[in-house]
PDB file of N, CA and C in Angstrom:
ATOM      1  N   UNK A   1      31.693 -25.798  23.634  1.00  0.00           N
ATOM      2  CA  UNK A   1      30.637 -26.496  24.369  1.00  0.00           C
ATOM      3  C   UNK A   1      30.498 -27.762  24.027  1.00  0.00           C
ATOM      4  N   UNK A   2      30.037 -28.597  25.365  1.00  0.00           N
ATOM      5  CA  UNK A   2      30.305 -30.203  25.458  1.00  0.00           C
ATOM      6  C   UNK A   2      29.071 -30.606  24.636  1.00  0.00           C
ATOM      7  N   UNK A   3      29.435 -31.645  23.991  1.00  0.00           N
ATOM      8  CA  UNK A   3      28.716 -32.337  23.143  1.00  0.00           C
ATOM      9  C   UNK A   3      27.211 -33.403  23.821  1.00  0.00           C
ATOM     10  N   UNK A   4      27.788 -33.411  25.290  1.00  0.00           N
ATOM     11  CA  UNK A   4      26.720 -33.750  26.020  1.00  0.00           C
ATOM     12  C   UNK A   4      25.321 -32.609  26.524  1.00  0.00           C
ATOM     13  N   UNK A   5      26.181 -31.629  26.529  1.00  0.00           N
ATOM     14  CA  UNK A   5      25.435 -30.394  26.737  1.00  0.00           C
ATOM     15  C   UNK A   5      24.386 -30.176  25.911  1.00  0.00           C
ATOM     16  N   UNK A   6      25.288 -30.270  24.475  1.00  0.00           N
ATOM     17  CA  UNK A   6      24.130 -29.875  23.350  1.00  0.00           C
ATOM     18  C   UNK A   6      23.282 -31.171  23.070  1.00  0.00           C
ATOM     19  N   UNK A   7      23.343 -32.432  23.296  1.00  0.00           N
ATOM     20  CA  UNK A   7      22.596 -33.394  23.303  1.00  0.00           C
ATOM     21  C   UNK A   7      21.647 -33.327  24.252  1.00  0.00           C
ATOM     22  N   UNK A   8      21.733 -32.780  25.449  1.00  0.00           N
ATOM     23  CA  UNK A   8      20.869 -32.669  26.565  1.00  0.00           C
ATOM     24  C   UNK A   8      19.671 -31.565  25.947  1.00  0.00           C
ATOM     25  N   UNK A   9      19.976 -30.529  25.436  1.00  0.00           N
ATOM     26  CA  UNK A   9      19.479 -29.319  25.004  1.00  0.00           C
ATOM     27  C   UNK A   9      18.451 -30.105  23.748  1.00  0.00           C
ATOM     28  N   UNK A  10      18.818 -30.693  22.824  1.00  0.00           N
ATOM     29  CA  UNK A  10      17.934 -31.248  21.927  1.00  0.00           C
ATOM     30  C   UNK A  10      16.770 -32.045  22.059  1.00  0.00           C
ATOM     31  N   UNK A  11      17.314 -33.233  23.548  1.00  0.00           N
ATOM     32  CA  UNK A  11      16.217 -33.903  23.999  1.00  0.00           C
ATOM     33  C   UNK A  11      15.451 -33.181  24.872  1.00  0.00           C
ATOM     34  N   UNK A  12      15.741 -32.228  25.522  1.00  0.00           N
ATOM     35  CA  UNK A  12      14.454 -31.297  26.429  1.00  0.00           C
ATOM     36  C   UNK A  12      13.475 -30.330  24.691  1.00  0.00           C
ATOM     37  N   UNK A  13      14.499 -30.107  24.231  1.00  0.00           N
ATOM     38  CA  UNK A  13      14.032 -29.061  23.345  1.00  0.00           C
ATOM     39  C   UNK A  13      13.118 -29.954  22.465  1.00  0.00           C
ATOM     40  N   UNK A  14      13.237 -31.212  21.648  1.00  0.00           N
ATOM     41  CA  UNK A  14      12.027 -31.862  20.977  1.00  0.00           C
ATOM     42  C   UNK A  14      11.014 -31.930  21.200  1.00  0.00           C
ATOM     43  N   UNK A  15      10.851 -32.377  22.646  1.00  0.00           N
ATOM     44  CA  UNK A  15       9.514 -32.215  23.783  1.00  0.00           C
ATOM     45  C   UNK A  15       8.658 -30.900  23.713  1.00  0.00           C
ATOM     46  N   UNK A  16       9.943 -29.976  23.803  1.00  0.00           N
ATOM     47  CA  UNK A  16       9.281 -28.795  24.527  1.00  0.00           C
ATOM     48  C   UNK A  16       8.565 -27.852  23.288  1.00  0.00           C
ATOM     49  N   UNK A  17       9.237 -27.886  21.848  1.00  0.00           N
ATOM     50  CA  UNK A  17       8.519 -27.511  20.948  1.00  0.00           C
ATOM     51  C   UNK A  17       7.647 -28.297  20.472  1.00  0.00           C
ATOM     52  N   UNK A  18       7.236 -29.336  20.756  1.00  0.00           N
ATOM     53  CA  UNK A  18       5.854 -29.808  20.687  1.00  0.00           C
ATOM     54  C   UNK A  18       5.241 -29.260  21.034  1.00  0.00           C
ATOM     55  N   UNK A  19       5.363 -28.946  22.717  1.00  0.00           N
ATOM     56  CA  UNK A  19       4.669 -28.342  23.673  1.00  0.00           C
ATOM     57  C   UNK A  19       4.256 -27.057  23.189  1.00  0.00           C
ATOM     58  N   UNK A  20       5.203 -26.617  22.977  1.00  0.00           N
ATOM     59  CA  UNK A  20       4.642 -25.260  22.361  1.00  0.00           C
ATOM     60  C   UNK A  20       3.571 -24.839  21.341  1.00  0.00           C
ATOM     61  N   UNK A  21       4.038 -25.899  19.994  1.00  0.00           N
ATOM     62  CA  UNK A  21       3.058 -25.879  19.100  1.00  0.00           C
ATOM     63  C   UNK A  21       1.771 -26.356  19.288  1.00  0.00           C
ATOM     64  N   UNK A  22       1.355 -27.488  20.030  1.00  0.00           N
ATOM     65  CA  UNK A  22       0.123 -28.309  20.566  1.00  0.00           C
ATOM     66  C   UNK A  22      -0.232 -27.304  21.384  1.00  0.00           C
ATOM     67  N   UNK A  23       0.506 -26.681  22.299  1.00  0.00           N
ATOM     68  CA  UNK A  23      -0.479 -26.000  23.456  1.00  0.00           C
ATOM     69  C   UNK A  23      -0.928 -24.772  22.466  1.00  0.00           C
ATOM     70  N   UNK A  24       0.146 -23.953  21.679  1.00  0.00           N
ATOM     71  CA  UNK A  24      -0.919 -23.257  20.777  1.00  0.00           C
ATOM     72  C   UNK A  24      -2.138 -23.771  20.168  1.00  0.00           C
ATOM     73  N   UNK A  25      -2.086 -24.759  19.626  1.00  0.00           N
ATOM     74  CA  UNK A  25      -3.503 -25.171  18.850  1.00  0.00           C
ATOM     75  C   UNK A  25      -4.357 -25.779  19.697  1.00  0.00           C
ATOM     76  N   UNK A  26      -3.829 -26.129  20.939  1.00  0.00           N
ATOM     77  CA  UNK A  26      -5.351 -26.122  21.921  1.00  0.00           C
ATOM     78  C   UNK A  26      -5.829 -25.241  22.367  1.00  0.00           C
ATOM     79  N   UNK A  27      -5.017 -24.203  22.823  1.00  0.00           N
ATOM     80  CA  UNK A  27      -6.010 -22.909  23.518  1.00  0.00           C
ATOM     81  C   UNK A  27      -6.250 -22.636  22.539  1.00  0.00           C
ATOM     82  N   UNK A  28      -6.005 -22.075  21.551  1.00  0.00           N
ATOM     83  CA  UNK A  28      -6.908 -20.865  20.172  1.00  0.00           C
ATOM     84  C   UNK A  28      -8.026 -22.018  20.334  1.00  0.00           C
ATOM     85  N   UNK A  29      -7.877 -23.546  20.063  1.00  0.00           N
ATOM     86  CA  UNK A  29      -9.748 -24.849  20.259  1.00  0.00           C
ATOM     87  C   UNK A  29     -10.527 -24.031  20.942  1.00  0.00           C
ATOM     88  N   UNK A  30      -9.920 -24.312  21.993  1.00  0.00           N
ATOM     89  CA  UNK A  30     -10.540 -23.950  23.171  1.00  0.00           C
ATOM     90  C   UNK A  30     -11.123 -22.624  23.337  1.00  0.00           C
ATOM     91  N   UNK A  31     -10.465 -21.305  22.982  1.00  0.00           N
ATOM     92  CA  UNK A  31     -10.881 -20.098  23.053  1.00  0.00           C
ATOM     93  C   UNK A  31     -11.766 -20.066  21.774  1.00  0.00           C
ATOM     94  N   UNK A  32     -11.878 -20.877  20.956  1.00  0.00           N
ATOM     95  CA  UNK A  32     -12.488 -20.464  19.696  1.00  0.00           C
ATOM     96  C   UNK A  32     -13.839 -21.002  19.902  1.00  0.00           C
ATOM     97  N   UNK A  33     -13.923 -21.713  20.913  1.00  0.00           N
ATOM     98  CA  UNK A  33     -15.556 -22.305  21.279  1.00  0.00           C
ATOM     99  C   UNK A  33     -16.065 -21.136  21.981  1.00  0.00           C
ATOM    100  N   UNK A  34     -15.376 -20.035  22.924  1.00  0.00           N
ATOM    101  CA  UNK A  34     -15.845 -19.158  23.828  1.00  0.00           C
ATOM    102  C   UNK A  34     -15.850 -17.788  22.731  1.00  0.00           C
ATOM    103  N   UNK A  35     -15.030 -17.681  22.350  1.00  0.00           N
ATOM    104  CA  UNK A  35     -14.754 -16.179  21.617  1.00  0.00           C
ATOM    105  C   UNK A  35     -14.377 -16.513  20.210  1.00  0.00           C
ATOM    106  N   UNK A  36     -14.694 -15.398  19.213  1.00  0.00           N
ATOM    107  CA  UNK A  36     -14.383 -15.604  17.865  1.00  0.00           C
ATOM    108  C   UNK A  36     -12.871 -14.901  17.842  1.00  0.00           C
ATOM    109  N   UNK A  37     -11.855 -16.074  17.309  1.00  0.00           N
ATOM    110  CA  UNK A  37     -10.547 -15.798  16.866  1.00  0.00           C
ATOM    111  C   UNK A  37     -10.009 -15.298  15.958  1.00  0.00           C
ATOM    112  N   UNK A  38      -8.900 -14.964  15.718  1.00  0.00           N
ATOM    113  CA  UNK A  38      -8.058 -14.540  14.582  1.00  0.00           C
ATOM    114  C   UNK A  38      -6.764 -15.155  14.359  1.00  0.00           C
ATOM    115  N   UNK A  39      -6.390 -14.456  13.441  1.00  0.00           N
ATOM    116  CA  UNK A  39      -4.785 -15.140  13.156  1.00  0.00           C
ATOM    117  C   UNK A  39      -3.747 -14.430  14.066  1.00  0.00           C
ATOM    118  N   UNK A  40      -4.203 -13.248  14.627  1.00  0.00           N
ATOM    119  CA  UNK A  40      -3.482 -12.196  15.276  1.00  0.00           C
ATOM    120  C   UNK A  40      -3.627 -12.959  17.050  1.00  0.00           C
ATOM    121  N   UNK A  41      -5.003 -13.388  17.340  1.00  0.00           N
ATOM    122  CA  UNK A  41      -5.333 -14.004  18.719  1.00  0.00           C
ATOM    123  C   UNK A  41      -4.393 -15.181  18.678  1.00  0.00           C
ATOM    124  N   UNK A  42      -3.871 -16.158  17.736  1.00  0.00           N
ATOM    125  CA  UNK A  42      -3.087 -17.310  17.668  1.00  0.00           C
ATOM    126  C   UNK A  42      -1.636 -16.984  17.964  1.00  0.00           C
ATOM    127  N   UNK A  43      -1.257 -15.650  17.423  1.00  0.00           N
ATOM    128  CA  UNK A  43       0.046 -15.500  17.296  1.00  0.00           C
ATOM    129  C   UNK A  43       0.611 -15.092  19.036  1.00  0.00           C
ATOM    130  N   UNK A  44      -0.635 -14.297  19.274  1.00  0.00           N
ATOM    131  CA  UNK A  44      -0.349 -13.636  20.991  1.00  0.00           C
ATOM    132  C   UNK A  44      -0.676 -15.234  21.550  1.00  0.00           C
ATOM    133  N   UNK A  45      -1.392 -16.277  21.299  1.00  0.00           N
ATOM    134  CA  UNK A  45      -1.331 -17.645  22.098  1.00  0.00           C
ATOM    135  C   UNK A  45       0.013 -18.260  22.213  1.00  0.00           C
ATOM    136  N   UNK A  46       0.302 -18.216  20.593  1.00  0.00           N
ATOM    137  CA  UNK A  46       1.684 -18.813  20.427  1.00  0.00           C
ATOM    138  C   UNK A  46       2.996 -18.245  21.173  1.00  0.00           C
ATOM    139  N   UNK A  47       2.695 -17.006  21.445  1.00  0.00           N
ATOM    140  CA  UNK A  47       3.624 -16.136  22.637  1.00  0.00           C
ATOM    141  C   UNK A  47       3.717 -16.742  23.723  1.00  0.00           C
ATOM    142  N   UNK A  48       2.621 -16.685  24.229  1.00  0.00           N
ATOM    143  CA  UNK A  48       2.287 -16.823  25.561  1.00  0.00           C
ATOM    144  C   UNK A  48       2.761 -18.582  25.790  1.00  0.00           C
ATOM    145  N   UNK A  49       2.234 -19.321  24.939  1.00  0.00           N
ATOM    146  CA  UNK A  49       3.021 -20.589  25.094  1.00  0.00           C
ATOM    147  C   UNK A  49       4.580 -20.648  25.286  1.00  0.00           C
ATOM    148  N   UNK A  50       5.107 -20.373  24.217  1.00  0.00           N
ATOM    149  CA  UNK A  50       6.329 -19.993  24.227  1.00  0.00           C
ATOM    150  C   UNK A  50       7.272 -19.691  25.060  1.00  0.00           C
ATOM    151  N   UNK A  51       6.272 -18.510  26.180  1.00  0.00           N
ATOM    152  CA  UNK A  51       7.005 -17.994  26.923  1.00  0.00           C
ATOM    153  C   UNK A  51       7.101 -19.177  28.522  1.00  0.00           C
ATOM    154  N   UNK A  52       5.831 -19.453  28.319  1.00  0.00           N
ATOM    155  CA  UNK A  52       5.803 -20.588  29.215  1.00  0.00           C
ATOM    156  C   UNK A  52       6.452 -21.633  29.697  1.00  0.00           C
ATOM    157  N   UNK A  53       6.748 -22.026  28.282  1.00  0.00           N
ATOM    158  CA  UNK A  53       7.851 -23.179  27.979  1.00  0.00           C
ATOM    159  C   UNK A  53       8.937 -23.404  28.148  1.00  0.00           C
ATOM    160  N   UNK A  54       9.345 -21.665  27.858  1.00  0.00           N
ATOM    161  CA  UNK A  54      10.601 -21.315  28.176  1.00  0.00           C
ATOM    162  C   UNK A  54      11.003 -20.950  29.991  1.00  0.00           C
ATOM    163  N   UNK A  55      10.198 -20.792  30.530  1.00  0.00           N
ATOM    164  CA  UNK A  55       9.822 -20.488  31.732  1.00  0.00           C
ATOM    165  C   UNK A  55      10.291 -21.923  32.346  1.00  0.00           C
ATOM    166  N   UNK A  56       9.176 -22.755  31.714  1.00  0.00           N
ATOM    167  CA  UNK A  56       9.473 -24.231  32.526  1.00  0.00           C
ATOM    168  C   UNK A  56      10.596 -24.819  32.279  1.00  0.00           C
ATOM    169  N   UNK A  57      11.202 -24.708  31.342  1.00  0.00           N
ATOM    170  CA  UNK A  57      12.644 -25.444  31.093  1.00  0.00           C
ATOM    171  C   UNK A  57      13.739 -24.880  31.955  1.00  0.00           C
ATOM    172  N   UNK A  58      13.598 -23.382  32.169  1.00  0.00           N
ATOM    173  CA  UNK A  58      14.704 -22.786  33.315  1.00  0.00           C
ATOM    174  C   UNK A  58      14.390 -23.219  34.443  1.00  0.00           C
ATOM    175  N   UNK A  59      13.010 -23.409  34.774  1.00  0.00           N
ATOM    176  CA  UNK A  59      12.934 -24.170  36.021  1.00  0.00           C
ATOM    177  C   UNK A  59      13.106 -25.382  36.474  1.00  0.00           C
ATOM    178  N   UNK A  60      12.752 -26.242  35.224  1.00  0.00           N
ATOM    179  CA  UNK A  60      13.438 -27.737  35.511  1.00  0.00           C
ATOM    180  C   UNK A  60      15.216 -27.937  35.489  1.00  0.00           C
ATOM    181  N   UNK A  61      15.548 -27.099  34.679  1.00  0.00           N
ATOM    182  CA  UNK A  61      16.912 -27.100  34.542  1.00  0.00           C
ATOM    183  C   UNK A  61      17.589 -25.701  34.895  1.00  0.00           C
ATOM    184  N   UNK A  62      17.729 -25.519  35.825  1.00  0.00           N
ATOM    185  CA  UNK A  62      18.432 -24.106  36.543  1.00  0.00           C
ATOM    186  C   UNK A  62      19.759 -23.919  35.944  1.00  0.00           C
ATOM    187  N   UNK A  63      20.230 -24.575  35.485  1.00  0.00           N
ATOM    188  CA  UNK A  63      21.884 -24.346  34.680  1.00  0.00           C
ATOM    189  C   UNK A  63      22.047 -24.320  33.513  1.00  0.00           C
ATOM    190  N   UNK A  64      21.179 -25.152  32.864  1.00  0.00           N
ATOM    191  CA  UNK A  64      21.062 -25.342  31.506  1.00  0.00           C
ATOM    192  C   UNK A  64      19.878 -24.868  30.931  1.00  0.00           C
ATOM    193  N   UNK A  65      19.007 -24.151  31.722  1.00  0.00           N
ATOM    194  CA  UNK A  65      17.592 -24.224  30.839  1.00  0.00           C
ATOM    195  C   UNK A  65      17.412 -22.957  29.684  1.00  0.00           C
ATOM    196  N   UNK A  66      18.263 -22.198  29.749  1.00  0.00           N
ATOM    197  CA  UNK A  66      18.278 -21.090  28.798  1.00  0.00           C
ATOM    198  C   UNK A  66      18.346 -21.924  27.371  1.00  0.00           C
ATOM    199  N   UNK A  67      19.553 -22.695  27.284  1.00  0.00           N
ATOM    200  CA  UNK A  67      19.781 -23.612  25.934  1.00  0.00           C
ATOM    201  C   UNK A  67      18.556 -24.658  25.630  1.00  0.00           C
ATOM    202  N   UNK A  68      17.940 -24.995  26.620  1.00  0.00           N
ATOM    203  CA  UNK A  68      16.988 -25.801  26.582  1.00  0.00           C
ATOM    204  C   UNK A  68      15.530 -24.829  26.032  1.00  0.00           C
ATOM    205  N   UNK A  69      15.517 -23.876  26.176  1.00  0.00           N
ATOM    206  CA  UNK A  69      14.455 -22.902  26.326  1.00  0.00           C
ATOM    207  C   UNK A  69      14.422 -22.636  24.627  1.00  0.00           C
ATOM    208  N   UNK A  70      15.861 -22.184  24.319  1.00  0.00           N
ATOM    209  CA  UNK A  70      15.927 -21.608  22.753  1.00  0.00           C
ATOM    210  C   UNK A  70      16.001 -23.047  22.054  1.00  0.00           C
ATOM    211  N   UNK A  71      16.326 -24.166  22.517  1.00  0.00           N
ATOM    212  CA  UNK A  71      16.215 -25.346  21.585  1.00  0.00           C
ATOM    213  C   UNK A  71      14.839 -25.665  21.479  1.00  0.00           C
ATOM    214  N   UNK A  72      14.003 -25.296  22.632  1.00  0.00           N
ATOM    215  CA  UNK A  72      12.376 -25.776  22.063  1.00  0.00           C
ATOM    216  C   UNK A  72      11.919 -24.799  21.243  1.00  0.00           C
ATOM    217  N   UNK A  73      12.234 -23.546  21.382  1.00  0.00           N
ATOM    218  CA  UNK A  73      11.614 -22.326  20.552  1.00  0.00           C
ATOM    219  C   UNK A  73      12.267 -22.916  19.202  1.00  0.00           C
ATOM    220  N   UNK A  74      13.315 -23.233  18.677  1.00  0.00           N
ATOM    221  CA  UNK A  74      13.859 -23.424  17.715  1.00  0.00           C
ATOM    222  C   UNK A  74      13.120 -24.907  17.108  1.00  0.00           C
ATOM    223  N   UNK A  75      12.815 -26.049  18.017  1.00  0.00           N
ATOM    224  CA  UNK A  75      12.149 -26.748  17.327  1.00  0.00           C
ATOM    225  C   UNK A  75      10.702 -26.453  16.985  1.00  0.00           C
ATOM    226  N   UNK A  76      10.070 -25.748  17.848  1.00  0.00           N
ATOM    227  CA  UNK A  76       8.598 -25.352  16.953  1.00  0.00           C
ATOM    228  C   UNK A  76       8.879 -24.249  16.152  1.00  0.00           C
ATOM    229  N   UNK A  77       9.717 -23.379  15.674  1.00  0.00           N
ATOM    230  CA  UNK A  77      10.004 -22.750  14.933  1.00  0.00           C
ATOM    231  C   UNK A  77      10.372 -23.947  13.221  1.00  0.00           C
ATOM    232  N   UNK A  78      10.958 -24.832  13.880  1.00  0.00           N
ATOM    233  CA  UNK A  78      11.011 -25.906  12.621  1.00  0.00           C
ATOM    234  C   UNK A  78       9.523 -26.519  12.132  1.00  0.00           C
ATOM    235  N   UNK A  79       9.052 -26.869  13.198  1.00  0.00           N
ATOM    236  CA  UNK A  79       7.286 -27.073  13.049  1.00  0.00           C
ATOM    237  C   UNK A  79       6.419 -26.161  12.109  1.00  0.00           C
ATOM    238  N   UNK A  80       6.890 -24.840  12.573  1.00  0.00           N
ATOM    239  CA  UNK A  80       6.146 -24.052  11.714  1.00  0.00           C
ATOM    240  C   UNK A  80       6.921 -23.937  10.492  1.00  0.00           C
ATOM    241  N   UNK A  81       8.036 -23.857  10.139  1.00  0.00           N
ATOM    242  CA  UNK A  81       8.546 -23.755   9.316  1.00  0.00           C
ATOM    243  C   UNK A  81       8.623 -25.100   7.927  1.00  0.00           C
ATOM    244  N   UNK A  82       8.322 -26.376   8.557  1.00  0.00           N
ATOM    245  CA  UNK A  82       7.600 -27.469   7.520  1.00  0.00           C
ATOM    246  C   UNK A  82       6.357 -26.865   7.264  1.00  0.00           C
ATOM    247  N   UNK A  83       5.378 -26.432   7.901  1.00  0.00           N
ATOM    248  CA  UNK A  83       3.741 -26.231   7.607  1.00  0.00           C
ATOM    249  C   UNK A  83       3.686 -24.955   6.781  1.00  0.00           C
ATOM    250  N   UNK A  84       4.876 -23.894   6.557  1.00  0.00           N
ATOM    251  CA  UNK A  84       4.861 -23.099   6.073  1.00  0.00           C
ATOM    252  C   UNK A  84       5.231 -23.549   4.577  1.00  0.00           C
ATOM    253  N   UNK A  85       6.218 -24.152   4.351  1.00  0.00           N
ATOM    254  CA  UNK A  85       6.545 -24.661   3.199  1.00  0.00           C
ATOM    255  C   UNK A  85       5.781 -25.601   2.611  1.00  0.00           C
ATOM    256  N   UNK A  86       5.007 -26.398   3.108  1.00  0.00           N
ATOM    257  CA  UNK A  86       4.113 -27.298   2.811  1.00  0.00           C
ATOM    258  C   UNK A  86       2.891 -26.630   2.521  1.00  0.00           C
ATOM    259  N   UNK A  87       2.461 -25.732   2.526  1.00  0.00           N
ATOM    260  CA  UNK A  87       1.136 -25.058   2.179  1.00  0.00           C
ATOM    261  C   UNK A  87       1.031 -24.927   0.827  1.00  0.00           C
ATOM    262  N   UNK A  88      -0.171 -24.949   0.301  1.00  0.00           N
ATOM    263  CA  UNK A  88      -0.412 -24.526  -0.889  1.00  0.00           C
ATOM    264  C   UNK A  88      -0.108 -23.290  -1.431  1.00  0.00           C
ATOM    265  N   UNK A  89       0.431 -23.433  -2.541  1.00  0.00           N
ATOM    266  CA  UNK A  89       1.002 -22.120  -3.229  1.00  0.00           C
ATOM    267  C   UNK A  89       0.082 -20.705  -3.485  1.00  0.00           C
ATOM    268  N   UNK A  90      -0.763 -20.783  -3.245  1.00  0.00           N
ATOM    269  CA  UNK A  90      -1.978 -19.223  -3.216  1.00  0.00           C
ATOM    270  C   UNK A  90      -2.359 -19.296  -1.855  1.00  0.00           C
ATOM    271  N   UNK A  91      -2.211 -20.068  -0.906  1.00  0.00           N
ATOM    272  CA  UNK A  91      -3.118 -19.469   0.264  1.00  0.00           C
ATOM    273  C   UNK A  91      -2.093 -18.605   0.767  1.00  0.00           C
ATOM    274  N   UNK A  92      -2.876 -17.928   2.121  1.00  0.00           N
ATOM    275  CA  UNK A  92      -2.252 -16.805   2.619  1.00  0.00           C
ATOM    276  C   UNK A  92      -2.093 -17.696   4.289  1.00  0.00           C
ATOM    277  N   UNK A  93      -0.902 -17.893   4.749  1.00  0.00           N
ATOM    278  CA  UNK A  93      -0.981 -18.269   6.006  1.00  0.00           C
ATOM    279  C   UNK A  93      -0.870 -17.844   7.155  1.00  0.00           C
ATOM    280  N   UNK A  94      -0.928 -16.435   6.696  1.00  0.00           N
ATOM    281  CA  UNK A  94      -1.279 -15.540   8.152  1.00  0.00           C
ATOM    282  C   UNK A  94       0.224 -15.585   9.075  1.00  0.00           C
ATOM    283  N   UNK A  95      -0.146 -14.562   9.880  1.00  0.00           N
ATOM    284  CA  UNK A  95       1.325 -14.232  10.920  1.00  0.00           C
ATOM    285  C   UNK A  95       1.917 -15.414  11.668  1.00  0.00           C
ATOM    286  N   UNK A  96       0.907 -16.408  11.927  1.00  0.00           N
ATOM    287  CA  UNK A  96       1.787 -17.666  12.729  1.00  0.00           C
ATOM    288  C   UNK A  96       2.245 -18.681  11.792  1.00  0.00           C
ATOM    289  N   UNK A  97       1.878 -18.977  10.833  1.00  0.00           N
ATOM    290  CA  UNK A  97       2.530 -19.806  10.237  1.00  0.00           C
ATOM    291  C   UNK A  97       3.247 -19.007   8.994  1.00  0.00           C
ATOM    292  N   UNK A  98       4.444 -18.079   9.059  1.00  0.00           N
ATOM    293  CA  UNK A  98       5.382 -17.887   8.404  1.00  0.00           C
ATOM    294  C   UNK A  98       6.388 -17.329   9.227  1.00  0.00           C
ATOM    295  N   UNK A  99       7.449 -16.643   8.654  1.00  0.00           N
ATOM    296  CA  UNK A  99       8.490 -15.822   9.612  1.00  0.00           C
ATOM    297  C   UNK A  99       7.916 -15.293  10.836  1.00  0.00           C
ATOM    298  N   UNK A 100       7.198 -14.854  10.777  1.00  0.00           N
ATOM    299  CA  UNK A 100       6.622 -14.078  12.085  1.00  0.00           C
ATOM    300  C   UNK A 100       6.360 -15.082  13.722  1.00  0.00           C
ATOM    301  N   UNK A 101       5.803 -16.006  13.076  1.00  0.00           N
ATOM    302  CA  UNK A 101       5.562 -17.298  14.232  1.00  0.00           C
ATOM    303  C   UNK A 101       6.946 -17.812  14.466  1.00  0.00           C
ATOM    304  N   UNK A 102       7.800 -18.039  13.431  1.00  0.00           N
ATOM    305  CA  UNK A 102       8.942 -18.751  13.839  1.00  0.00           C
ATOM    306  C   UNK A 102       9.889 -17.620  14.597  1.00  0.00           C
ATOM    307  N   UNK A 103       9.959 -16.421  14.607  1.00  0.00           N
ATOM    308  CA  UNK A 103      10.718 -15.621  15.647  1.00  0.00           C
ATOM    309  C   UNK A 103       9.970 -15.644  16.867  1.00  0.00           C
ATOM    310  N   UNK A 104       8.863 -15.693  16.452  1.00  0.00           N
ATOM    311  CA  UNK A 104       7.838 -15.542  18.020  1.00  0.00           C
ATOM    312  C   UNK A 104       8.301 -16.496  18.966  1.00  0.00           C
ATOM    313  N   UNK A 105       8.294 -17.692  17.935  1.00  0.00           N
ATOM    314  CA  UNK A 105       8.536 -18.961  19.075  1.00  0.00           C
ATOM    315  C   UNK A 105      10.157 -19.075  19.383  1.00  0.00           C
ATOM    316  N   UNK A 106      10.579 -18.635  18.775  1.00  0.00           N
ATOM    317  CA  UNK A 106      12.008 -18.632  19.487  1.00  0.00           C
ATOM    318  C   UNK A 106      12.446 -17.277  20.206  1.00  0.00           C
ATOM    319  N   UNK A 107      11.749 -16.255  20.132  1.00  0.00           N
ATOM    320  CA  UNK A 107      12.183 -14.987  21.025  1.00  0.00           C
ATOM    321  C   UNK A 107      11.534 -15.600  22.465  1.00  0.00           C
ATOM    322  N   UNK A 108      10.162 -15.326  22.464  1.00  0.00           N
ATOM    323  CA  UNK A 108       9.338 -15.840  23.554  1.00  0.00           C
ATOM    324  C   UNK A 108       9.874 -16.828  24.299  1.00  0.00           C
ATOM    325  N   UNK A 109      10.576 -18.237  23.487  1.00  0.00           N
ATOM    326  CA  UNK A 109      10.733 -18.964  24.514  1.00  0.00           C
ATOM    327  C   UNK A 109      12.174 -18.738  24.982  1.00  0.00           C
ATOM    328  N   UNK A 110      12.868 -18.337  24.370  1.00  0.00           N
ATOM    329  CA  UNK A 110      14.507 -17.810  25.064  1.00  0.00           C
ATOM    330  C   UNK A 110      13.878 -16.684  26.172  1.00  0.00           C
ATOM    331  N   UNK A 111      12.900 -15.715  25.822  1.00  0.00           N
ATOM    332  CA  UNK A 111      12.639 -14.570  26.953  1.00  0.00           C
ATOM    333  C   UNK A 111      12.314 -15.151  28.130  1.00  0.00           C
ATOM    334  N   UNK A 112      11.452 -16.392  28.020  1.00  0.00           N
ATOM    335  CA  UNK A 112      11.040 -16.975  29.049  1.00  0.00           C
ATOM    336  C   UNK A 112      12.144 -17.933  29.793  1.00  0.00           C
ATOM    337  N   UNK A 113      13.172 -18.495  29.334  1.00  0.00           N
ATOM    338  CA  UNK A 113      14.198 -18.839  29.873  1.00  0.00           C
ATOM    339  C   UNK A 113      15.368 -17.953  30.357  1.00  0.00           C
ATOM    340  N   UNK A 114      15.092 -16.851  29.732  1.00  0.00           N
ATOM    341  CA  UNK A 114      16.196 -15.794  30.368  1.00  0.00           C
ATOM    342  C   UNK A 114      15.720 -14.878  31.675  1.00  0.00           C
ATOM    343  N   UNK A 115      14.614 -14.849  31.498  1.00  0.00           N
ATOM    344  CA  UNK A 115      13.791 -13.934  32.423  1.00  0.00           C
ATOM    345  C   UNK A 115      13.276 -14.639  33.961  1.00  0.00           C
ATOM    346  N   UNK A 116      13.651 -16.350  33.797  1.00  0.00           N
ATOM    347  CA  UNK A 116      12.832 -16.800  35.299  1.00  0.00           C
ATOM    348  C   UNK A 116      13.907 -16.584  36.300  1.00  0.00           C
ATOM    349  N   UNK A 117      14.950 -16.392  36.170  1.00  0.00           N
ATOM    350  CA  UNK A 117      15.671 -16.175  37.213  1.00  0.00           C
ATOM    351  C   UNK A 117      15.628 -14.726  37.993  1.00  0.00           C
ATOM    352  N   UNK A 118      15.231 -14.223  36.776  1.00  0.00           N
ATOM    353  CA  UNK A 118      15.260 -12.416  37.153  1.00  0.00           C
ATOM    354  C   UNK A 118      14.008 -12.508  37.829  1.00  0.00           C
ATOM    355  N   UNK A 119      13.210 -13.226  37.766  1.00  0.00           N
ATOM    356  CA  UNK A 119      11.608 -13.407  38.386  1.00  0.00           C
ATOM    357  C   UNK A 119      11.740 -13.175  39.920  1.00  0.00           C
ATOM    358  N   UNK A 120      12.271 -14.052  40.342  1.00  0.00           N
ATOM    359  CA  UNK A 120      12.890 -14.516  41.744  1.00  0.00           C
ATOM    360  C   UNK A 120      13.841 -14.165  42.555  1.00  0.00           C
ATOM    361  N   UNK A 121      14.851 -13.172  42.077  1.00  0.00           N
ATOM    362  CA  UNK A 121      16.151 -12.603  42.548  1.00  0.00           C
ATOM    363  C   UNK A 121      16.013 -12.259  43.857  1.00  0.00           C
ATOM    364  N   UNK A 122      16.669 -12.715  44.693  1.00  0.00           N
ATOM    365  CA  UNK A 122      15.733 -11.981  46.306  1.00  0.00           C
ATOM    366  C   UNK A 122      17.520 -11.039  46.519  1.00  0.00           C
ATOM    367  N   UNK A 123      16.602 -10.195  47.254  1.00  0.00           N
ATOM    368  CA  UNK A 123      17.709  -9.197  47.434  1.00  0.00           C
ATOM    369  C   UNK A 123      18.543  -9.537  49.126  1.00  0.00           C
ATOM    370  N   UNK A 124      19.664  -8.927  48.949  1.00  0.00           N
ATOM    371  CA  UNK A 124      20.736  -9.487  50.378  1.00  0.00           C
ATOM    372  C   UNK A 124      20.275  -8.538  51.386  1.00  0.00           C
TER     373      UNK A 124
END
């Protein structure tokens, strides 16, 4: 793989991963004003924001979108890993701030990047 391609994945993945994480927090805060939310609701919101960012990465970069979507998921998982490792010793992090949230960020983002061209495939 070319180093230019990897570098471009990283440059797109950093803001994409931050968008995943900040979008999850923002939508959870807004939803919390309307309805009572739980950690599982936050995990669903994380999956949805990861999926949408993966779709957008593939939409904006048709040929290199899957790599950018995976890089965005890895950056979001890195943010979650940092928060999980810096949590207090006896605190319960919940399903988002742990291995489940990291896996959901990477998997849903990659799914969004992979699924986008298959959603709009035209028949011949």
